[in-house]
PDB file of N, CA and C in Angstrom:
ATOM      1  N   MET A   1      -3.286  -4.123  14.428  1.00  0.00           N
ATOM      2  CA  MET A   1      -2.747  -5.376  13.803  1.00  0.00           C
ATOM      3  C   MET A   1      -3.835  -6.413  13.549  1.00  0.00           C
ATOM      4  N   ASP A   2      -4.962  -6.332  14.239  1.00  0.00           N
ATOM      5  CA  ASP A   2      -6.099  -7.156  14.073  1.00  0.00           C
ATOM      6  C   ASP A   2      -6.719  -6.860  12.618  1.00  0.00           C
ATOM      7  N   LEU A   3      -6.532  -5.696  12.136  1.00  0.00           N
ATOM      8  CA  LEU A   3      -7.026  -5.431  10.870  1.00  0.00           C
ATOM      9  C   LEU A   3      -6.122  -6.204   9.743  1.00  0.00           C
ATOM     10  N   ILE A   4      -5.136  -6.168   9.734  1.00  0.00           N
ATOM     11  CA  ILE A   4      -4.230  -6.784   8.890  1.00  0.00           C
ATOM     12  C   ILE A   4      -4.454  -8.457   9.138  1.00  0.00           C
ATOM     13  N   LYS A   5      -4.771  -9.008  10.196  1.00  0.00           N
ATOM     14  CA  LYS A   5      -5.039 -10.307  10.388  1.00  0.00           C
ATOM     15  C   LYS A   5      -6.351 -10.518   9.791  1.00  0.00           C
ATOM     16  N   GLU A   6      -7.500  -9.742   9.986  1.00  0.00           N
ATOM     17  CA  GLU A   6      -8.837  -9.866   9.362  1.00  0.00           C
ATOM     18  C   GLU A   6      -8.679  -9.915   7.924  1.00  0.00           C
ATOM     19  N   LEU A   7      -7.962  -8.956   7.298  1.00  0.00           N
ATOM     20  CA  LEU A   7      -7.928  -8.716   5.931  1.00  0.00           C
ATOM     21  C   LEU A   7      -7.140 -10.220   5.290  1.00  0.00           C
ATOM     22  N   TRP A   8      -6.071 -10.534   5.849  1.00  0.00           N
ATOM     23  CA  TRP A   8      -5.481 -11.752   5.328  1.00  0.00           C
ATOM     24  C   TRP A   8      -6.486 -12.860   5.542  1.00  0.00           C
ATOM     25  N   VAL A   9      -7.358 -13.144   6.534  1.00  0.00           N
ATOM     26  CA  VAL A   9      -8.129 -14.221   6.527  1.00  0.00           C
ATOM     27  C   VAL A   9      -9.221 -14.209   5.471  1.00  0.00           C
ATOM     28  N   PHE A  10      -9.690 -12.836   5.416  1.00  0.00           N
ATOM     29  CA  PHE A  10     -10.670 -12.643   4.220  1.00  0.00           C
ATOM     30  C   PHE A  10     -10.182 -13.042   2.783  1.00  0.00           C
ATOM     31  N   LEU A  11      -8.787 -12.526   2.663  1.00  0.00           N
ATOM     32  CA  LEU A  11      -8.254 -12.906   1.332  1.00  0.00           C
ATOM     33  C   LEU A  11      -8.070 -14.445   1.318  1.00  0.00           C
ATOM     34  N   ARG A  12      -7.935 -15.122   2.250  1.00  0.00           N
ATOM     35  CA  ARG A  12      -7.470 -16.595   2.015  1.00  0.00           C
ATOM     36  C   ARG A  12      -8.831 -17.349   1.948  1.00  0.00           C
ATOM     37  N   VAL A  13      -9.740 -16.981   2.822  1.00  0.00           N
ATOM     38  CA  VAL A  13     -11.021 -17.655   2.756  1.00  0.00           C
ATOM     39  C   VAL A  13     -11.840 -17.410   1.382  1.00  0.00           C
ATOM     40  N   ARG A  14     -11.854 -16.361   0.777  1.00  0.00           N
ATOM     41  CA  ARG A  14     -12.429 -16.030  -0.335  1.00  0.00           C
ATOM     42  C   ARG A  14     -11.661 -16.268  -1.592  1.00  0.00           C
ATOM     43  N   LYS A  15     -10.437 -16.761  -1.483  1.00  0.00           N
ATOM     44  CA  LYS A  15      -9.635 -17.179  -2.517  1.00  0.00           C
ATOM     45  C   LYS A  15      -9.388 -16.077  -3.408  1.00  0.00           C
ATOM     46  N   LYS A  16      -8.878 -14.898  -2.660  1.00  0.00           N
ATOM     47  CA  LYS A  16      -8.594 -13.670  -3.284  1.00  0.00           C
ATOM     48  C   LYS A  16      -7.088 -13.261  -3.114  1.00  0.00           C
ATOM     49  N   LEU A  17      -6.120 -14.226  -3.065  1.00  0.00           N
ATOM     50  CA  LEU A  17      -4.688 -14.000  -2.633  1.00  0.00           C
ATOM     51  C   LEU A  17      -4.069 -13.274  -3.524  1.00  0.00           C
ATOM     52  N   TRP A  18      -4.779 -13.249  -4.941  1.00  0.00           N
ATOM     53  CA  TRP A  18      -4.114 -12.235  -5.924  1.00  0.00           C
ATOM     54  C   TRP A  18      -3.992 -10.821  -5.708  1.00  0.00           C
ATOM     55  N   LEU A  19      -4.853 -10.451  -4.617  1.00  0.00           N
ATOM     56  CA  LEU A  19      -5.148  -9.165  -4.351  1.00  0.00           C
ATOM     57  C   LEU A  19      -3.979  -8.691  -3.286  1.00  0.00           C
ATOM     58  N   ALA A  20      -3.358  -9.611  -2.675  1.00  0.00           N
ATOM     59  CA  ALA A  20      -2.380  -9.243  -1.637  1.00  0.00           C
ATOM     60  C   ALA A  20      -1.182  -8.532  -2.129  1.00  0.00           C
ATOM     61  N   PRO A  21      -0.649  -8.881  -3.463  1.00  0.00           N
ATOM     62  CA  PRO A  21       0.485  -8.101  -3.707  1.00  0.00           C
ATOM     63  C   PRO A  21       0.063  -6.411  -4.306  1.00  0.00           C
ATOM     64  N   ILE A  22      -1.035  -6.525  -4.755  1.00  0.00           N
ATOM     65  CA  ILE A  22      -1.615  -5.225  -5.175  1.00  0.00           C
ATOM     66  C   ILE A  22      -1.759  -4.457  -3.897  1.00  0.00           C
ATOM     67  N   ILE A  23      -2.481  -4.969  -2.793  1.00  0.00           N
ATOM     68  CA  ILE A  23      -2.614  -4.039  -1.789  1.00  0.00           C
ATOM     69  C   ILE A  23      -1.231  -3.628  -0.855  1.00  0.00           C
ATOM     70  N   ILE A  24      -0.219  -4.484  -0.975  1.00  0.00           N
ATOM     71  CA  ILE A  24       1.077  -4.146  -0.497  1.00  0.00           C
ATOM     72  C   ILE A  24       1.646  -2.994  -1.457  1.00  0.00           C
ATOM     73  N   VAL A  25       1.609  -3.158  -2.538  1.00  0.00           N
ATOM     74  CA  VAL A  25       2.251  -2.083  -3.405  1.00  0.00           C
ATOM     75  C   VAL A  25       1.527  -0.614  -3.154  1.00  0.00           C
ATOM     76  N   LEU A  26       0.190  -0.758  -3.223  1.00  0.00           N
ATOM     77  CA  LEU A  26      -0.481   0.406  -2.747  1.00  0.00           C
ATOM     78  C   LEU A  26      -0.139   1.114  -1.366  1.00  0.00           C
ATOM     79  N   LEU A  27       0.041   0.318  -0.502  1.00  0.00           N
ATOM     80  CA  LEU A  27       0.454   0.615   0.890  1.00  0.00           C
ATOM     81  C   LEU A  27       1.939   1.412   0.972  1.00  0.00           C
ATOM     82  N   ILE A  28       2.829   0.541   0.051  1.00  0.00           N
ATOM     83  CA  ILE A  28       4.212   1.186   0.114  1.00  0.00           C
ATOM     84  C   ILE A  28       4.178   2.510  -0.685  1.00  0.00           C
ATOM     85  N   LEU A  29       3.551   2.633  -1.553  1.00  0.00           N
ATOM     86  CA  LEU A  29       3.501   3.871  -2.456  1.00  0.00           C
ATOM     87  C   LEU A  29       2.809   5.057  -1.597  1.00  0.00           C
ATOM     88  N   GLY A  30       1.633   4.616  -0.776  1.00  0.00           N
ATOM     89  CA  GLY A  30       1.043   5.578  -0.041  1.00  0.00           C
ATOM     90  C   GLY A  30       2.080   6.071   1.084  1.00  0.00           C
ATOM     91  N   GLY A  31       2.670   4.991   1.795  1.00  0.00           N
ATOM     92  CA  GLY A  31       3.728   5.688   2.692  1.00  0.00           C
ATOM     93  C   GLY A  31       4.801   6.261   2.097  1.00  0.00           C
ATOM     94  N   LEU A  32       5.112   6.002   1.018  1.00  0.00           N
ATOM     95  CA  LEU A  32       6.297   7.046   0.270  1.00  0.00           C
ATOM     96  C   LEU A  32       5.785   8.135   0.049  1.00  0.00           C
ATOM     97  N   LEU A  33       4.597   8.390  -0.318  1.00  0.00           N
ATOM     98  CA  LEU A  33       4.118   9.802  -0.456  1.00  0.00           C
ATOM     99  C   LEU A  33       3.867  10.378   0.759  1.00  0.00           C
ATOM    100  N   VAL A  34       3.529   9.931   1.730  1.00  0.00           N
ATOM    101  CA  VAL A  34       3.371  10.497   3.097  1.00  0.00           C
ATOM    102  C   VAL A  34       4.757  10.946   3.517  1.00  0.00           C
ATOM    103  N   LEU A  35       5.559  10.157   3.430  1.00  0.00           N
ATOM    104  CA  LEU A  35       6.926  10.429   4.154  1.00  0.00           C
ATOM    105  C   LEU A  35       7.684  11.642   3.277  1.00  0.00           C
ATOM    106  N   ALA A  36       7.531  11.615   2.027  1.00  0.00           N
ATOM    107  CA  ALA A  36       8.260  12.376   1.033  1.00  0.00           C
ATOM    108  C   ALA A  36       7.233  13.646   0.964  1.00  0.00           C
ATOM    109  N   GLN A  37       6.333  13.856   1.659  1.00  0.00           N
ATOM    110  CA  GLN A  37       5.617  15.179   1.470  1.00  0.00           C
ATOM    111  C   GLN A  37       6.314  16.435   1.604  1.00  0.00           C
ATOM    112  N   GLY A  38       7.157  16.362   2.754  1.00  0.00           N
ATOM    113  CA  GLY A  38       7.675  17.761   2.883  1.00  0.00           C
ATOM    114  C   GLY A  38       9.296  17.894   2.500  1.00  0.00           C
ATOM    115  N   SER A  39       9.515  16.848   1.684  1.00  0.00           N
ATOM    116  CA  SER A  39      10.957  16.794   1.272  1.00  0.00           C
ATOM    117  C   SER A  39      11.284  17.325  -0.113  1.00  0.00           C
ATOM    118  N   VAL A  40      12.555  17.398  -0.548  1.00  0.00           N
ATOM    119  CA  VAL A  40      12.836  17.850  -1.661  1.00  0.00           C
ATOM    120  C   VAL A  40      12.606  16.946  -2.938  1.00  0.00           C
ATOM    121  N   VAL A  41      12.265  15.686  -2.530  1.00  0.00           N
ATOM    122  CA  VAL A  41      11.985  14.619  -3.537  1.00  0.00           C
ATOM    123  C   VAL A  41      10.526  14.623  -3.913  1.00  0.00           C
ATOM    124  N   ALA A  42       9.631  15.285  -3.342  1.00  0.00           N
ATOM    125  CA  ALA A  42       8.267  15.456  -3.415  1.00  0.00           C
ATOM    126  C   ALA A  42       7.883  15.723  -4.817  1.00  0.00           C
ATOM    127  N   PRO A  43       8.401  16.729  -5.473  1.00  0.00           N
ATOM    128  CA  PRO A  43       8.066  16.986  -6.853  1.00  0.00           C
ATOM    129  C   PRO A  43       8.379  15.816  -7.822  1.00  0.00           C
ATOM    130  N   PHE A  44       9.233  15.420  -7.744  1.00  0.00           N
ATOM    131  CA  PHE A  44       9.839  13.993  -8.590  1.00  0.00           C
ATOM    132  C   PHE A  44       8.892  12.861  -8.413  1.00  0.00           C
ATOM    133  N   ILE A  45       8.273  12.584  -7.204  1.00  0.00           N
ATOM    134  CA  ILE A  45       7.427  11.621  -6.888  1.00  0.00           C
ATOM    135  C   ILE A  45       5.990  12.094  -7.537  1.00  0.00           C
ATOM    136  N   TYR A  46       5.543  13.080  -7.252  1.00  0.00           N
ATOM    137  CA  TYR A  46       4.269  13.498  -7.768  1.00  0.00           C
ATOM    138  C   TYR A  46       4.066  13.460  -9.427  1.00  0.00           C
ATOM    139  N   THR A  47       5.265  13.583  -9.905  1.00  0.00           N
ATOM    140  CA  THR A  47       5.379  13.546 -11.542  1.00  0.00           C
ATOM    141  C   THR A  47       5.068  12.147 -12.035  1.00  0.00           C
ATOM    142  N   LEU A  48       5.350  11.199 -11.075  1.00  0.00           N
ATOM    143  CA  LEU A  48       5.164   9.673 -11.528  1.00  0.00           C
ATOM    144  C   LEU A  48       3.590   9.415 -11.422  1.00  0.00           C
ATOM    145  N   PHE A  49       2.820  10.204 -10.855  1.00  0.00           N
ATOM    146  CA  PHE A  49       1.426  10.053 -10.634  1.00  0.00           C
ATOM    147  C   PHE A  49       0.521  10.935 -11.471  1.00  0.00           C
TER     148      PHE A  49
END
C-alpha cells in the first residue's frame, strides 16, 4: 500500500496527474491477462494485443 501512496504523491508533486488513468488502465489489463491465463477466454484476449 505504501507503493501506491508514494506513486500518488509523486504524480501530484510533479504535476503528472495525467499519467494516473494510463497507469490504472495498464494495471487493469495486466490483472485481466493474469486472471484469464488459464481460462477459455485467453485466446480471445491475446488476439486484442
